[in-house]
């Protein structure tokens, strides 16, 4: 199925979850926040949050600076 991760199209298998999306883009599993279809997904729910075809996943990394 096709999902959008940080604005780029990715193909993931049926039943894919947030962790699969992170793996598809090579993102770390720490130091990031994830939103699916504009809803923040708590880290504890990443493995159980299924993605649907057309889901929009945003992976955000905190950056410190000034």
PDB file of N, CA and C in Angstrom:
ATOM      1  N   UNK A   1       0.840  -1.177   0.000  1.00  0.00           N
ATOM      2  CA  UNK A   1       0.000   0.000   0.000  1.00  0.00           C
ATOM      3  C   UNK A   1       0.881   1.235   0.000  1.00  0.00           C
ATOM      4  N   UNK A   2       0.363   2.303  -0.505  1.00  0.00           N
ATOM      5  CA  UNK A   2       1.105   3.552  -0.591  1.00  0.00           C
ATOM      6  C   UNK A   2       0.761   4.446   0.587  1.00  0.00           C
ATOM      7  N   UNK A   3       1.791   4.930   1.279  1.00  0.00           N
ATOM      8  CA  UNK A   3       1.627   5.920   2.342  1.00  0.00           C
ATOM      9  C   UNK A   3       2.604   7.054   2.059  1.00  0.00           C
ATOM     10  N   UNK A   4       2.361   8.185   2.678  1.00  0.00           N
ATOM     11  CA  UNK A   4       3.230   9.351   2.526  1.00  0.00           C
ATOM     12  C   UNK A   4       3.968   9.563   3.831  1.00  0.00           C
ATOM     13  N   UNK A   5       5.294   9.573   3.769  1.00  0.00           N
ATOM     14  CA  UNK A   5       6.114   9.778   4.958  1.00  0.00           C
ATOM     15  C   UNK A   5       6.947  11.034   4.736  1.00  0.00           C
ATOM     16  N   UNK A   6       6.695  12.044   5.557  1.00  0.00           N
ATOM     17  CA  UNK A   6       7.370  13.350   5.416  1.00  0.00           C
ATOM     18  C   UNK A   6       7.278  13.861   3.983  1.00  0.00           C
ATOM     19  N   UNK A   7       6.117  13.691   3.368  1.00  0.00           N
ATOM     20  CA  UNK A   7       5.861  14.230   2.044  1.00  0.00           C
ATOM     21  C   UNK A   7       6.331  13.368   0.890  1.00  0.00           C
ATOM     22  N   UNK A   8       6.973  12.248   1.176  1.00  0.00           N
ATOM     23  CA  UNK A   8       7.461  11.361   0.110  1.00  0.00           C
ATOM     24  C   UNK A   8       6.634  10.075   0.097  1.00  0.00           C
ATOM     25  N   UNK A   9       6.371   9.599  -1.092  1.00  0.00           N
ATOM     26  CA  UNK A   9       5.581   8.393  -1.265  1.00  0.00           C
ATOM     27  C   UNK A   9       6.426   7.154  -0.962  1.00  0.00           C
ATOM     28  N   UNK A  10       5.860   6.229  -0.175  1.00  0.00           N
ATOM     29  CA  UNK A  10       6.530   4.978   0.178  1.00  0.00           C
ATOM     30  C   UNK A  10       5.554   3.830   0.022  1.00  0.00           C
ATOM     31  N   UNK A  11       6.067   2.678  -0.370  1.00  0.00           N
ATOM     32  CA  UNK A  11       5.257   1.460  -0.443  1.00  0.00           C
ATOM     33  C   UNK A  11       5.541   0.627   0.800  1.00  0.00           C
ATOM     34  N   UNK A  12       4.494   0.308   1.536  1.00  0.00           N
ATOM     35  CA  UNK A  12       4.607  -0.545   2.712  1.00  0.00           C
ATOM     36  C   UNK A  12       3.643  -1.710   2.552  1.00  0.00           C
ATOM     37  N   UNK A  13       3.920  -2.795   3.232  1.00  0.00           N
ATOM     38  CA  UNK A  13       3.057  -3.961   3.172  1.00  0.00           C
ATOM     39  C   UNK A  13       1.736  -3.723   3.889  1.00  0.00           C
ATOM     40  N   UNK A  14       0.733  -4.478   3.506  1.00  0.00           N
ATOM     41  CA  UNK A  14      -0.557  -4.399   4.193  1.00  0.00           C
ATOM     42  C   UNK A  14      -0.351  -4.691   5.671  1.00  0.00           C
ATOM     43  N   UNK A  15      -1.053  -3.972   6.517  1.00  0.00           N
ATOM     44  CA  UNK A  15      -0.921  -4.165   7.958  1.00  0.00           C
ATOM     45  C   UNK A  15       0.268  -3.444   8.561  1.00  0.00           C
ATOM     46  N   UNK A  16       0.911  -2.572   7.798  1.00  0.00           N
ATOM     47  CA  UNK A  16       2.073  -1.839   8.297  1.00  0.00           C
ATOM     48  C   UNK A  16       1.658  -0.922   9.445  1.00  0.00           C
ATOM     49  N   UNK A  17       2.608  -0.682  10.349  1.00  0.00           N
ATOM     50  CA  UNK A  17       2.350   0.210  11.478  1.00  0.00           C
ATOM     51  C   UNK A  17       3.379   1.342  11.483  1.00  0.00           C
ATOM     52  N   UNK A  18       3.328   2.163  12.510  1.00  0.00           N
ATOM     53  CA  UNK A  18       4.231   3.312  12.608  1.00  0.00           C
ATOM     54  C   UNK A  18       5.692   2.872  12.608  1.00  0.00           C
ATOM     55  N   UNK A  19       6.022   1.789  13.304  1.00  0.00           N
ATOM     56  CA  UNK A  19       7.411   1.316  13.324  1.00  0.00           C
ATOM     57  C   UNK A  19       7.889   0.939  11.921  1.00  0.00           C
ATOM     58  N   UNK A  20       7.017   0.363  11.114  1.00  0.00           N
ATOM     59  CA  UNK A  20       7.376   0.031   9.732  1.00  0.00           C
ATOM     60  C   UNK A  20       7.669   1.293   8.934  1.00  0.00           C
ATOM     61  N   UNK A  21       6.914   2.350   9.187  1.00  0.00           N
ATOM     62  CA  UNK A  21       7.148   3.620   8.496  1.00  0.00           C
ATOM     63  C   UNK A  21       8.506   4.199   8.883  1.00  0.00           C
ATOM     64  N   UNK A  22       8.846   4.135  10.171  1.00  0.00           N
ATOM     65  CA  UNK A  22      10.156   4.622  10.610  1.00  0.00           C
ATOM     66  C   UNK A  22      11.275   3.829   9.938  1.00  0.00           C
ATOM     67  N   UNK A  23      11.117   2.518   9.885  1.00  0.00           N
ATOM     68  CA  UNK A  23      12.123   1.674   9.243  1.00  0.00           C
ATOM     69  C   UNK A  23      12.246   2.001   7.759  1.00  0.00           C
ATOM     70  N   UNK A  24      11.129   2.273   7.095  1.00  0.00           N
ATOM     71  CA  UNK A  24      11.140   2.559   5.654  1.00  0.00           C
ATOM     72  C   UNK A  24      11.944   3.810   5.328  1.00  0.00           C
ATOM     73  N   UNK A  25      11.955   4.754   6.255  1.00  0.00           N
ATOM     74  CA  UNK A  25      12.709   5.983   5.976  1.00  0.00           C
ATOM     75  C   UNK A  25      14.053   6.017   6.694  1.00  0.00           C
ATOM     76  N   UNK A  26      14.374   4.943   7.409  1.00  0.00           N
ATOM     77  CA  UNK A  26      15.660   4.882   8.100  1.00  0.00           C
ATOM     78  C   UNK A  26      15.736   5.794   9.304  1.00  0.00           C
ATOM     79  N   UNK A  27      14.591   6.111   9.885  1.00  0.00           N
ATOM     80  CA  UNK A  27      14.560   7.006  11.045  1.00  0.00           C
ATOM     81  C   UNK A  27      14.860   6.235  12.320  1.00  0.00           C
ATOM     82  N   UNK A  28      15.473   6.896  13.286  1.00  0.00           N
ATOM     83  CA  UNK A  28      15.712   6.243  14.569  1.00  0.00           C
ATOM     84  C   UNK A  28      14.396   6.075  15.325  1.00  0.00           C
ATOM     85  N   UNK A  29      14.404   5.214  16.307  1.00  0.00           N
ATOM     86  CA  UNK A  29      13.199   5.003  17.110  1.00  0.00           C
ATOM     87  C   UNK A  29      13.232   5.813  18.406  1.00  0.00           C
ATOM     88  N   UNK A  30      14.275   6.598  18.583  1.00  0.00           N
ATOM     89  CA  UNK A  30      14.377   7.487  19.744  1.00  0.00           C
ATOM     90  C   UNK A  30      14.655   8.899  19.244  1.00  0.00           C
ATOM     91  N   UNK A  31      14.234   9.874  20.030  1.00  0.00           N
ATOM     92  CA  UNK A  31      14.493  11.264  19.669  1.00  0.00           C
ATOM     93  C   UNK A  31      13.603  11.793  18.566  1.00  0.00           C
ATOM     94  N   UNK A  32      12.500  11.096  18.293  1.00  0.00           N
ATOM     95  CA  UNK A  32      11.576  11.559  17.260  1.00  0.00           C
ATOM     96  C   UNK A  32      10.147  11.525  17.804  1.00  0.00           C
ATOM     97  N   UNK A  33       9.301  12.307  17.168  1.00  0.00           N
ATOM     98  CA  UNK A  33       7.863  12.281  17.430  1.00  0.00           C
ATOM     99  C   UNK A  33       7.183  11.929  16.120  1.00  0.00           C
ATOM    100  N   UNK A  34       6.031  11.265  16.214  1.00  0.00           N
ATOM    101  CA  UNK A  34       5.331  10.814  15.013  1.00  0.00           C
ATOM    102  C   UNK A  34       3.871  11.260  15.060  1.00  0.00           C
ATOM    103  N   UNK A  35       3.389  11.748  13.921  1.00  0.00           N
ATOM    104  CA  UNK A  35       1.968  12.063  13.757  1.00  0.00           C
ATOM    105  C   UNK A  35       1.474  11.304  12.530  1.00  0.00           C
ATOM    106  N   UNK A  36       0.273  10.775  12.631  1.00  0.00           N
ATOM    107  CA  UNK A  36      -0.373  10.102  11.504  1.00  0.00           C
ATOM    108  C   UNK A  36      -1.660  10.853  11.218  1.00  0.00           C
ATOM    109  N   UNK A  37      -1.776  11.328   9.995  1.00  0.00           N
ATOM    110  CA  UNK A  37      -2.945  12.105   9.585  1.00  0.00           C
ATOM    111  C   UNK A  37      -3.240  13.231  10.576  1.00  0.00           C
ATOM    112  N   UNK A  38      -2.173  13.949  10.944  1.00  0.00           N
ATOM    113  CA  UNK A  38      -2.216  15.144  11.789  1.00  0.00           C
ATOM    114  C   UNK A  38      -2.557  14.859  13.248  1.00  0.00           C
ATOM    115  N   UNK A  39      -2.491  13.605  13.680  1.00  0.00           N
ATOM    116  CA  UNK A  39      -2.721  13.242  15.075  1.00  0.00           C
ATOM    117  C   UNK A  39      -1.437  12.648  15.653  1.00  0.00           C
ATOM    118  N   UNK A  40      -0.945  13.226  16.734  1.00  0.00           N
ATOM    119  CA  UNK A  40       0.265  12.713  17.372  1.00  0.00           C
ATOM    120  C   UNK A  40      -0.001  11.307  17.900  1.00  0.00           C
ATOM    121  N   UNK A  41       0.961  10.416  17.652  1.00  0.00           N
ATOM    122  CA  UNK A  41       0.849   9.035  18.120  1.00  0.00           C
ATOM    123  C   UNK A  41       1.861   8.840  19.248  1.00  0.00           C
ATOM    124  N   UNK A  42       1.388   8.528  20.455  1.00  0.00           N
ATOM    125  CA  UNK A  42       2.325   8.290  21.565  1.00  0.00           C
ATOM    126  C   UNK A  42       3.261   7.120  21.244  1.00  0.00           C
ATOM    127  N   UNK A  43       4.494   7.222  21.672  1.00  0.00           N
ATOM    128  CA  UNK A  43       5.501   6.189  21.410  1.00  0.00           C
ATOM    129  C   UNK A  43       5.002   4.799  21.812  1.00  0.00           C
ATOM    130  N   UNK A  44       4.292   4.705  22.911  1.00  0.00           N
ATOM    131  CA  UNK A  44       3.792   3.405  23.378  1.00  0.00           C
ATOM    132  C   UNK A  44       2.810   2.768  22.393  1.00  0.00           C
ATOM    133  N   UNK A  45       2.249   3.572  21.495  1.00  0.00           N
ATOM    134  CA  UNK A  45       1.263   3.066  20.538  1.00  0.00           C
ATOM    135  C   UNK A  45       1.822   2.826  19.137  1.00  0.00           C
ATOM    136  N   UNK A  46       3.100   3.081  18.923  1.00  0.00           N
ATOM    137  CA  UNK A  46       3.659   2.961  17.579  1.00  0.00           C
ATOM    138  C   UNK A  46       3.468   1.568  16.987  1.00  0.00           C
ATOM    139  N   UNK A  47       3.720   0.534  17.762  1.00  0.00           N
ATOM    140  CA  UNK A  47       3.625  -0.832  17.242  1.00  0.00           C
ATOM    141  C   UNK A  47       2.183  -1.233  16.957  1.00  0.00           C
ATOM    142  N   UNK A  48       1.241  -0.632  17.650  1.00  0.00           N
ATOM    143  CA  UNK A  48      -0.161  -1.024  17.482  1.00  0.00           C
ATOM    144  C   UNK A  48      -0.959  -0.068  16.606  1.00  0.00           C
ATOM    145  N   UNK A  49      -0.328   1.000  16.117  1.00  0.00           N
ATOM    146  CA  UNK A  49      -1.038   1.955  15.262  1.00  0.00           C
ATOM    147  C   UNK A  49      -0.863   1.559  13.806  1.00  0.00           C
ATOM    148  N   UNK A  50      -1.919   0.974  13.257  1.00  0.00           N
ATOM    149  CA  UNK A  50      -1.889   0.518  11.866  1.00  0.00           C
ATOM    150  C   UNK A  50      -2.045   1.704  10.915  1.00  0.00           C
ATOM    151  N   UNK A  51      -1.380   1.605   9.794  1.00  0.00           N
ATOM    152  CA  UNK A  51      -1.502   2.618   8.745  1.00  0.00           C
ATOM    153  C   UNK A  51      -2.443   2.106   7.667  1.00  0.00           C
ATOM    154  N   UNK A  52      -3.116   3.026   7.020  1.00  0.00           N
ATOM    155  CA  UNK A  52      -4.007   2.687   5.915  1.00  0.00           C
ATOM    156  C   UNK A  52      -3.422   3.269   4.634  1.00  0.00           C
ATOM    157  N   UNK A  53      -3.855   2.742   3.510  1.00  0.00           N
ATOM    158  CA  UNK A  53      -3.410   3.296   2.226  1.00  0.00           C
ATOM    159  C   UNK A  53      -3.733   4.788   2.217  1.00  0.00           C
ATOM    160  N   UNK A  54      -2.754   5.593   1.840  1.00  0.00           N
ATOM    161  CA  UNK A  54      -2.939   7.032   1.773  1.00  0.00           C
ATOM    162  C   UNK A  54      -2.654   7.766   3.070  1.00  0.00           C
ATOM    163  N   UNK A  55      -2.291   7.040   4.130  1.00  0.00           N
ATOM    164  CA  UNK A  55      -1.967   7.697   5.406  1.00  0.00           C
ATOM    165  C   UNK A  55      -0.819   8.674   5.191  1.00  0.00           C
ATOM    166  N   UNK A  56      -0.859   9.761   5.951  1.00  0.00           N
ATOM    167  CA  UNK A  56       0.211  10.737   5.913  1.00  0.00           C
ATOM    168  C   UNK A  56       0.921  10.718   7.264  1.00  0.00           C
ATOM    169  N   UNK A  57       2.178  10.291   7.220  1.00  0.00           N
ATOM    170  CA  UNK A  57       2.980  10.138   8.430  1.00  0.00           C
ATOM    171  C   UNK A  57       4.022  11.248   8.453  1.00  0.00           C
ATOM    172  N   UNK A  58       4.105  11.936   9.564  1.00  0.00           N
ATOM    173  CA  UNK A  58       5.125  12.963   9.738  1.00  0.00           C
ATOM    174  C   UNK A  58       6.033  12.534  10.881  1.00  0.00           C
ATOM    175  N   UNK A  59       7.322  12.483  10.610  1.00  0.00           N
ATOM    176  CA  UNK A  59       8.322  12.127  11.624  1.00  0.00           C
ATOM    177  C   UNK A  59       9.123  13.390  11.903  1.00  0.00           C
ATOM    178  N   UNK A  60       9.106  13.812  13.152  1.00  0.00           N
ATOM    179  CA  UNK A  60       9.741  15.064  13.540  1.00  0.00           C
ATOM    180  C   UNK A  60      10.871  14.808  14.520  1.00  0.00           C
ATOM    181  N   UNK A  61      11.965  15.526  14.333  1.00  0.00           N
ATOM    182  CA  UNK A  61      13.113  15.422  15.211  1.00  0.00           C
ATOM    183  C   UNK A  61      13.281  16.751  15.940  1.00  0.00           C
ATOM    184  N   UNK A  62      13.465  16.690  17.230  1.00  0.00           N
ATOM    185  CA  UNK A  62      13.683  17.913  18.008  1.00  0.00           C
ATOM    186  C   UNK A  62      15.071  18.458  17.698  1.00  0.00           C
ATOM    187  N   UNK A  63      15.153  19.756  17.511  1.00  0.00           N
ATOM    188  CA  UNK A  63      16.425  20.417  17.233  1.00  0.00           C
ATOM    189  C   UNK A  63      16.591  21.547  18.232  1.00  0.00           C
ATOM    190  N   UNK A  64      17.748  21.597  18.857  1.00  0.00           N
ATOM    191  CA  UNK A  64      18.024  22.633  19.823  1.00  0.00           C
ATOM    192  C   UNK A  64      18.872  23.714  19.182  1.00  0.00           C
ATOM    193  N   UNK A  65      18.592  24.918  19.500  1.00  0.00           N
ATOM    194  CA  UNK A  65      19.391  26.003  18.948  1.00  0.00           C
ATOM    195  C   UNK A  65      18.810  27.337  19.345  1.00  0.00           C
ATOM    196  N   UNK A  66      19.393  28.375  18.827  1.00  0.00           N
ATOM    197  CA  UNK A  66      18.883  29.669  19.227  1.00  0.00           C
ATOM    198  C   UNK A  66      19.253  30.747  18.288  1.00  0.00           C
TER     199      UNK A  66
END
